[in-house]
Amino acid sequence: MQSKEKLAQSMGWANDFTSNTVKLIGTAEVLAAIGLVVPPLTDIAPIFSPLAATGLVLLMIGAFSVHRRRDETQFMAVTAMLAVVAAFVAIGRFGIEPF
């Protein structure tokens, strides 16, 4: 919702990407969050929950590599934890305990 310049003040990684790429990343994160929460709550198309979790894992792998390249170790830890939690949801919902 913010301009790239304003976002870059608090998140330096935004300077490494174009404006459209930053918007695409934000949109993908919001869609992943919606996909994790809404299908299980509404019981409509619950397959989207593990798919969203898998997409979030892929996003976090990309984010981890960006933070690693920029030597941002604090963000690397948070990103890795989010990837692990999303992977746990994806594995759990695809096989162990499907809806």
Protein backbone atom coordinates (compact mmCIF):
# COMPACT_ATOMS: atom_id res chain seq x y z
CA MET A 1 0.00 0.00 0.00
CA GLN A 2 3.06 2.26 0.35
CA SER A 3 5.32 3.59 -2.34
CA LYS A 4 8.55 1.70 -2.95
CA GLU A 5 10.58 4.66 -1.65
CA LYS A 6 8.67 4.79 1.63
CA LEU A 7 8.87 1.01 2.05
CA ALA A 8 12.61 1.08 1.36
CA GLN A 9 13.14 3.34 4.38
CA SER A 10 12.18 0.52 6.74
CA MET A 11 12.94 -2.47 4.50
CA GLY A 12 16.18 -2.01 2.58
CA TRP A 13 15.59 -5.02 0.36
CA ALA A 14 12.96 -3.07 -1.56
CA ASN A 15 15.77 -1.06 -3.21
CA ASP A 16 16.95 -4.27 -4.92
CA PHE A 17 13.69 -4.72 -6.84
CA THR A 18 11.49 -2.78 -9.21
CA SER A 19 8.27 -1.21 -8.01
CA ASN A 20 6.18 -3.83 -9.78
CA THR A 21 8.18 -6.68 -8.24
CA VAL A 22 7.69 -5.26 -4.75
CA LYS A 23 3.94 -5.05 -5.41
CA LEU A 24 3.93 -8.61 -6.73
CA ILE A 25 5.71 -9.88 -3.61
CA GLY A 26 3.24 -8.07 -1.35
CA THR A 27 0.27 -9.38 -3.31
CA ALA A 28 1.59 -12.94 -3.16
CA GLU A 29 2.05 -12.69 0.62
CA VAL A 30 -1.48 -11.36 1.13
CA LEU A 31 -2.98 -14.05 -1.11
CA ALA A 32 -1.02 -16.73 0.76
CA ALA A 33 -2.34 -15.45 4.09
CA ILE A 34 -5.91 -15.44 2.79
CA GLY A 35 -5.43 -18.92 1.33
CA LEU A 36 -4.19 -20.24 4.66
CA VAL A 37 -7.10 -18.91 6.67
CA VAL A 38 -10.27 -18.63 4.58
CA PRO A 39 -10.64 -22.14 3.05
CA PRO A 40 -10.47 -24.00 6.37
CA LEU A 41 -12.86 -21.53 8.03
CA THR A 42 -15.45 -21.67 5.26
CA ASP A 43 -14.89 -25.31 4.29
CA ILE A 44 -14.92 -24.20 0.66
CA ALA A 45 -12.07 -25.58 -1.48
CA PRO A 46 -9.87 -26.59 1.49
CA ILE A 47 -7.16 -27.78 -0.94
CA PHE A 48 -6.15 -24.12 -1.24
CA SER A 49 -4.79 -24.12 2.32
CA PRO A 50 -1.84 -26.47 1.71
CA LEU A 51 -1.30 -24.91 -1.72
CA ALA A 52 -1.07 -21.47 -0.11
CA ALA A 53 1.32 -22.85 2.50
CA THR A 54 3.51 -24.30 -0.26
CA GLY A 55 3.50 -20.95 -2.04
CA LEU A 56 4.47 -19.24 1.19
CA VAL A 57 7.38 -21.66 1.64
CA LEU A 58 8.61 -20.73 -1.83
CA LEU A 59 8.26 -17.02 -1.05
CA MET A 60 10.19 -17.45 2.19
CA ILE A 61 12.99 -19.35 0.41
CA GLY A 62 13.30 -16.39 -1.95
CA ALA A 63 13.20 -13.93 0.94
CA PHE A 64 15.83 -15.92 2.82
CA SER A 65 18.18 -15.78 -0.15
CA VAL A 66 17.70 -12.01 -0.48
CA HIS A 67 18.39 -11.47 3.23
CA ARG A 68 21.41 -13.76 3.06
CA ARG A 69 22.83 -11.85 0.10
CA ARG A 70 22.30 -8.58 2.00
CA ASP A 71 23.82 -10.01 5.22
CA GLU A 72 20.63 -9.38 7.21
CA THR A 73 20.94 -12.21 9.73
CA GLN A 74 18.10 -11.02 11.95
CA PHE A 75 15.63 -11.20 9.06
CA MET A 76 17.07 -14.54 7.93
CA ALA A 77 16.03 -16.12 11.24
CA VAL A 78 12.47 -14.79 11.03
CA THR A 79 12.15 -15.83 7.40
CA ALA A 80 13.46 -19.33 8.13
CA MET A 81 10.97 -19.74 10.98
CA LEU A 82 8.07 -18.66 8.76
CA ALA A 83 9.20 -21.14 6.10
CA VAL A 84 9.32 -23.96 8.64
CA VAL A 85 5.84 -23.18 9.97
CA ALA A 86 4.40 -22.94 6.45
CA ALA A 87 6.09 -26.24 5.50
CA PHE A 88 4.60 -27.84 8.61
CA VAL A 89 1.13 -26.71 7.52
CA ALA A 90 1.65 -27.85 3.94
CA ILE A 91 2.93 -31.30 4.94
CA GLY A 92 0.25 -31.69 7.56
CA ARG A 93 -2.61 -30.68 5.28
CA PHE A 94 -1.41 -32.59 2.21
CA GLY A 95 -0.85 -35.91 3.91
CA ILE A 96 -0.94 -36.32 7.68
CA GLU A 97 -4.25 -34.61 8.49
CA PRO A 98 -6.07 -33.48 5.33
CA PHE A 99 -9.33 -31.59 5.66
